[in-house]
């Protein structure tokens, strides 16, 4: 029936689900050593899952930029063709199980009650994926053009603080949608994070599914932290502090254990960075 009205379902939107989960990861890790959202992302968005494949299509349509509408339209058509080849039954099943686990792990109202920066584009992608064969031609064209506008539009300037500007410089390397949501949380609650802590969080979120890359990054940071602490140890005159610093240095190699970086190891690294910052402040 061509006159069927499209209805966007925020809870079932794969792009929005991923964004909300990555936002939740940051919030969780600032409060404790673990995050249930990490496990959900690893489970449902890993290579081989149908949701993971669909999310990659969302990424293409939200991150790719072209100068002409003709190229953007060709991209949308190619993505729609790829979406039609996915197993819709598996997507519905995986999404049902994911939403069920989200509701079991978090308060639904708090989890989903978040402003999404590029909501209109994500909603249009969802409607195009879900209702392509059912909607009226004029509504189909309007929805498709919203996505094309997003692909061809230039980034608008934002008036915000240094945290946003820091992360904005890293946009090309980011792997999640609507990073301004994360920036907003930083601005309100975590404005005192060091540059090292910010980078660790970014690497952690971007490489949730790439365990090897994240492990390599953490291992290299462990060695750098050890060298820094050794250098700082020479500047400390207090014997008790020297002993404690030595004990800390002896324990840091434990962060290199395991093939997969755990939530607890990430939190421990955050604390090592904070320790280095505090020693620097005292020494100077």
Protein backbone atom coordinates (compact mmCIF):
# COMPACT_ATOMS: atom_id res chain seq x y z
CA UNK A 1 0.00 0.00 0.00
CA UNK A 2 1.71 3.16 -1.22
CA UNK A 3 0.01 5.60 1.14
CA UNK A 4 1.29 3.96 4.32
CA UNK A 5 2.65 6.51 6.76
CA UNK A 6 6.22 5.93 7.90
CA UNK A 7 6.71 5.60 11.65
CA UNK A 8 10.16 5.99 13.11
CA UNK A 9 10.93 3.83 16.15
CA UNK A 10 13.84 5.33 18.07
CA UNK A 11 14.29 2.23 20.21
CA UNK A 12 14.73 0.01 17.14
CA UNK A 13 17.04 2.37 15.23
CA UNK A 14 20.41 0.59 14.94
CA UNK A 15 22.38 3.83 14.56
CA UNK A 16 20.79 5.38 17.62
CA UNK A 17 21.19 2.20 19.66
CA UNK A 18 24.92 2.14 18.98
CA UNK A 19 25.29 5.81 19.81
CA UNK A 20 23.44 5.48 23.09
CA UNK A 21 25.49 2.42 24.06
CA UNK A 22 28.80 4.18 23.45
CA UNK A 23 27.58 7.18 25.43
CA UNK A 24 26.62 4.82 28.24
CA UNK A 25 30.08 3.23 28.22
CA UNK A 26 31.72 6.55 29.01
CA UNK A 27 29.21 7.33 31.75
CA UNK A 28 29.65 3.88 33.31
CA UNK A 29 33.44 3.94 33.33
CA UNK A 30 33.48 7.31 35.05
CA UNK A 31 31.45 5.79 37.89
CA UNK A 32 32.86 2.25 38.27
CA UNK A 33 35.32 -0.32 36.92
CA UNK A 34 32.82 -2.06 34.65
CA UNK A 35 30.24 -1.28 31.99
CA UNK A 36 27.44 -3.57 30.88
CA UNK A 37 27.18 -1.50 27.71
CA UNK A 38 30.65 -2.68 26.66
CA UNK A 39 29.53 -6.29 26.68
CA UNK A 40 26.40 -5.42 24.71
CA UNK A 41 28.41 -3.67 22.00
CA UNK A 42 30.88 -6.54 21.81
CA UNK A 43 28.08 -9.09 21.63
CA UNK A 44 25.74 -7.48 19.12
CA UNK A 45 27.98 -5.28 16.95
CA UNK A 46 30.90 -7.64 16.44
CA UNK A 47 31.92 -8.84 12.99
CA UNK A 48 29.43 -11.31 11.55
CA UNK A 49 26.26 -10.10 13.27
CA UNK A 50 23.49 -8.73 11.06
CA UNK A 51 23.07 -5.70 13.32
CA UNK A 52 26.80 -5.05 12.98
CA UNK A 53 26.48 -5.15 9.20
CA UNK A 54 23.49 -2.82 9.27
CA UNK A 55 25.32 -0.40 11.57
CA UNK A 56 28.17 -0.18 9.04
CA UNK A 57 25.59 1.01 6.48
CA UNK A 58 24.38 3.67 8.92
CA UNK A 59 28.00 4.76 9.32
CA UNK A 60 28.52 5.09 5.60
CA UNK A 61 25.46 7.32 5.21
CA UNK A 62 26.30 9.52 8.20
CA UNK A 63 30.08 9.84 7.83
CA UNK A 64 30.63 9.97 4.06
CA UNK A 65 30.79 13.46 2.55
CA UNK A 66 30.38 14.32 -1.15
CA UNK A 67 30.29 17.66 -2.96
CA UNK A 68 27.51 16.75 -5.39
CA UNK A 69 23.99 15.43 -4.95
CA UNK A 70 24.43 12.98 -7.82
CA UNK A 71 27.28 11.20 -6.06
CA UNK A 72 25.36 11.24 -2.79
CA UNK A 73 22.29 9.74 -4.45
CA UNK A 74 24.41 7.01 -6.02
CA UNK A 75 25.80 6.21 -2.58
CA UNK A 76 22.33 6.02 -1.01
CA UNK A 77 21.16 3.65 -3.75
CA UNK A 78 24.22 1.44 -3.28
CA UNK A 79 23.70 1.31 0.48
CA UNK A 80 20.01 0.46 0.04
CA UNK A 81 21.00 -2.37 -2.28
CA UNK A 82 23.39 -3.70 0.38
CA UNK A 83 20.71 -3.36 3.07
CA UNK A 84 18.26 -5.40 0.99
CA UNK A 85 20.78 -8.25 0.94
CA UNK A 86 20.92 -8.49 4.74
CA UNK A 87 18.84 -11.04 6.64
CA UNK A 88 15.94 -8.97 8.00
CA UNK A 89 14.74 -11.82 10.21
CA UNK A 90 18.13 -12.05 11.92
CA UNK A 91 18.26 -8.27 12.33
CA UNK A 92 14.86 -8.23 14.04
CA UNK A 93 15.84 -11.12 16.32
CA UNK A 94 19.22 -9.65 17.29
CA UNK A 95 17.69 -6.22 17.84
CA UNK A 96 14.92 -7.69 20.01
CA UNK A 97 17.50 -9.46 22.19
CA UNK A 98 19.69 -6.35 22.41
CA UNK A 99 16.80 -4.11 23.48
CA UNK A 100 15.73 -6.75 26.01
CA UNK A 101 19.21 -6.76 27.56
CA UNK A 102 19.37 -2.96 27.57
CA UNK A 103 16.10 -2.85 29.51
CA UNK A 104 17.43 -5.45 31.95
CA UNK A 105 20.68 -3.52 32.47
CA UNK A 106 19.51 0.12 32.55
CA UNK A 107 16.45 2.21 33.28
CA UNK A 108 14.78 2.51 29.90
CA UNK A 109 13.66 6.11 30.40
CA UNK A 110 17.15 7.28 31.36
CA UNK A 111 18.88 5.28 28.64
CA UNK A 112 16.73 6.45 25.73
CA UNK A 113 15.94 9.95 26.99
CA UNK A 114 18.96 11.56 25.34
CA UNK A 115 19.11 14.27 22.71
CA UNK A 116 20.53 12.86 19.46
CA UNK A 117 22.46 15.43 17.48
CA UNK A 118 21.78 13.96 14.01
CA UNK A 119 18.42 12.44 14.90
CA UNK A 120 16.68 13.54 11.67
CA UNK A 121 19.21 11.81 9.42
CA UNK A 122 19.29 8.63 11.53
CA UNK A 123 15.48 8.52 11.57
CA UNK A 124 15.41 8.94 7.78
CA UNK A 125 17.89 6.08 7.32
CA UNK A 126 15.78 3.85 9.56
CA UNK A 127 12.58 4.68 7.67
CA UNK A 128 14.26 4.08 4.33
CA UNK A 129 15.62 0.72 5.47
CA UNK A 130 12.32 -0.38 7.04
CA UNK A 131 9.66 1.00 4.72
CA UNK A 132 11.22 1.37 1.27
CA UNK A 133 8.69 -0.86 -0.47
CA UNK A 134 5.63 0.44 1.41
CA UNK A 135 5.71 4.23 1.46
CA UNK A 136 4.27 6.74 -0.97
CA UNK A 137 6.68 7.99 -3.66
CA UNK A 138 6.64 11.61 -2.45
CA UNK A 139 7.46 10.61 1.13
CA UNK A 140 10.14 8.23 -0.09
CA UNK A 141 11.80 11.03 -2.08
CA UNK A 142 11.60 13.46 0.87
CA UNK A 143 13.17 10.91 3.21
CA UNK A 144 15.91 10.04 0.75
CA UNK A 145 16.70 13.72 0.16
CA UNK A 146 17.15 14.30 3.91
CA UNK A 147 19.94 11.73 3.82
CA UNK A 148 21.45 13.26 0.69
CA UNK A 149 21.44 16.69 2.34
CA UNK A 150 23.35 15.21 5.27
CA UNK A 151 25.97 13.75 2.93
CA UNK A 152 26.46 16.97 0.98
CA UNK A 153 26.20 19.47 3.86
CA UNK A 154 29.26 21.09 5.38
CA UNK A 155 29.97 20.98 9.12
CA UNK A 156 28.59 24.02 10.92
CA UNK A 157 30.69 25.90 13.43
CA UNK A 158 29.98 25.17 17.10
CA UNK A 159 30.36 27.54 19.98
CA UNK A 160 31.66 25.41 22.80
CA UNK A 161 34.64 24.90 25.05
CA UNK A 162 38.11 23.44 24.63
CA UNK A 163 36.92 19.86 25.19
CA UNK A 164 34.77 20.00 22.07
CA UNK A 165 37.59 21.60 20.06
CA UNK A 166 40.00 18.88 21.21
CA UNK A 167 37.69 16.09 20.10
CA UNK A 168 36.66 17.89 16.92
CA UNK A 169 40.24 17.66 15.65
CA UNK A 170 40.00 13.89 15.92
CA UNK A 171 36.75 13.50 13.93
CA UNK A 172 38.34 11.65 11.01
CA UNK A 173 39.51 8.91 13.33
CA UNK A 174 36.33 8.52 15.34
CA UNK A 175 34.21 5.40 14.96
CA UNK A 176 30.98 6.41 16.65
CA UNK A 177 28.06 8.59 15.69
CA UNK A 178 27.16 12.03 17.07
CA UNK A 179 30.21 12.59 19.25
CA UNK A 180 28.78 15.88 20.46
CA UNK A 181 26.59 13.89 22.88
CA UNK A 182 29.73 12.56 24.50
CA UNK A 183 31.28 16.03 24.46
CA UNK A 184 28.27 17.40 26.29
CA UNK A 185 28.81 14.88 29.10
CA UNK A 186 32.48 15.82 29.25
CA UNK A 187 31.60 19.50 29.48
CA UNK A 188 29.18 18.97 32.36
CA UNK A 189 30.97 16.38 34.44
CA UNK A 190 34.45 15.46 33.21
CA UNK A 191 36.02 18.76 32.22
CA UNK A 192 39.11 18.00 34.32
CA UNK A 193 40.23 14.95 32.35
CA UNK A 194 43.82 15.07 31.16
CA UNK A 195 44.69 14.79 27.48
CA UNK A 196 45.92 11.22 28.07
CA UNK A 197 42.65 10.24 29.74
CA UNK A 198 40.62 11.70 26.88
CA UNK A 199 42.67 9.81 24.33
CA UNK A 200 42.35 6.54 26.26
CA UNK A 201 38.56 6.85 26.35
CA UNK A 202 38.50 7.61 22.63
CA UNK A 203 40.67 4.60 21.83
CA UNK A 204 38.58 2.40 24.11
CA UNK A 205 35.31 3.35 22.43
CA UNK A 206 36.67 3.29 18.87
CA UNK A 207 38.26 -0.15 19.23
CA UNK A 208 35.67 -2.06 21.22
CA UNK A 209 35.45 -4.63 18.43
CA UNK A 210 39.15 -4.47 17.55
CA UNK A 211 40.65 -6.11 20.63
CA UNK A 212 44.14 -6.46 19.15
CA UNK A 213 44.51 -2.77 18.39
CA UNK A 214 43.24 -1.74 21.81
CA UNK A 215 45.59 -4.21 23.53
CA UNK A 216 48.55 -2.86 21.55
CA UNK A 217 47.64 0.70 22.49
CA UNK A 218 47.30 -0.06 26.21
CA UNK A 219 50.55 -2.05 26.26
CA UNK A 220 52.45 0.84 24.68
CA UNK A 221 50.90 3.26 27.16
CA UNK A 222 51.94 1.02 30.06
CA UNK A 223 55.57 1.28 28.97
CA UNK A 224 55.29 5.06 28.60
CA UNK A 225 53.72 5.40 32.04
CA UNK A 226 56.51 3.28 33.56
CA UNK A 227 59.17 5.49 31.99
CA UNK A 228 57.40 8.61 33.21
CA UNK A 229 57.10 7.28 36.75
CA UNK A 230 60.79 6.32 36.77
CA UNK A 231 61.66 9.85 35.77
CA UNK A 232 59.37 11.31 38.42
CA UNK A 233 60.80 9.02 41.08
CA UNK A 234 64.14 10.82 40.80
CA UNK A 235 62.46 14.10 41.69
CA UNK A 236 60.80 12.78 44.85
CA UNK A 237 62.73 13.32 48.08
CA UNK A 238 60.30 11.77 50.54
CA UNK A 239 61.30 8.15 51.25
CA UNK A 240 57.75 6.93 51.94
CA UNK A 241 56.52 8.39 48.67
CA UNK A 242 59.45 6.78 46.85
CA UNK A 243 58.51 3.36 48.24
CA UNK A 244 54.86 3.79 47.24
CA UNK A 245 55.79 4.91 43.76
CA UNK A 246 58.06 1.90 43.36
CA UNK A 247 55.22 -0.42 44.39
CA UNK A 248 52.90 1.25 41.86
CA UNK A 249 55.49 0.83 39.12
CA UNK A 250 55.86 -2.86 39.94
CA UNK A 251 52.11 -3.39 39.63
CA UNK A 252 51.50 -1.63 36.32
CA UNK A 253 52.67 -4.59 34.21
CA UNK A 254 49.49 -6.34 35.33
CA UNK A 255 47.60 -4.08 32.93
CA UNK A 256 49.25 -5.93 30.02
CA UNK A 257 47.76 -9.29 31.01
CA UNK A 258 45.09 -10.89 28.85
CA UNK A 259 44.30 -10.79 25.14
CA UNK A 260 41.36 -8.46 25.75
CA UNK A 261 41.61 -5.18 27.67
CA UNK A 262 39.16 -5.32 30.57
CA UNK A 263 37.08 -2.46 31.91
CA UNK A 264 39.06 -2.60 35.13
CA UNK A 265 42.35 -2.21 33.27
CA UNK A 266 41.02 0.88 31.49
CA UNK A 267 39.98 2.44 34.80
CA UNK A 268 43.40 1.60 36.29
CA UNK A 269 45.13 3.34 33.37
CA UNK A 270 42.96 6.40 34.00
CA UNK A 271 44.18 6.42 37.59
CA UNK A 272 47.83 6.08 36.56
CA UNK A 273 47.44 9.13 34.32
CA UNK A 274 45.90 11.01 37.23
CA UNK A 275 48.78 9.99 39.49
CA UNK A 276 51.33 11.29 37.00
CA UNK A 277 49.46 14.58 36.76
CA UNK A 278 49.37 14.97 40.55
CA UNK A 279 53.10 14.26 40.91
CA UNK A 280 53.88 16.79 38.20
CA UNK A 281 51.84 19.42 40.00
CA UNK A 282 53.61 18.76 43.29
CA UNK A 283 57.07 18.65 41.69
CA UNK A 284 56.49 21.94 39.89
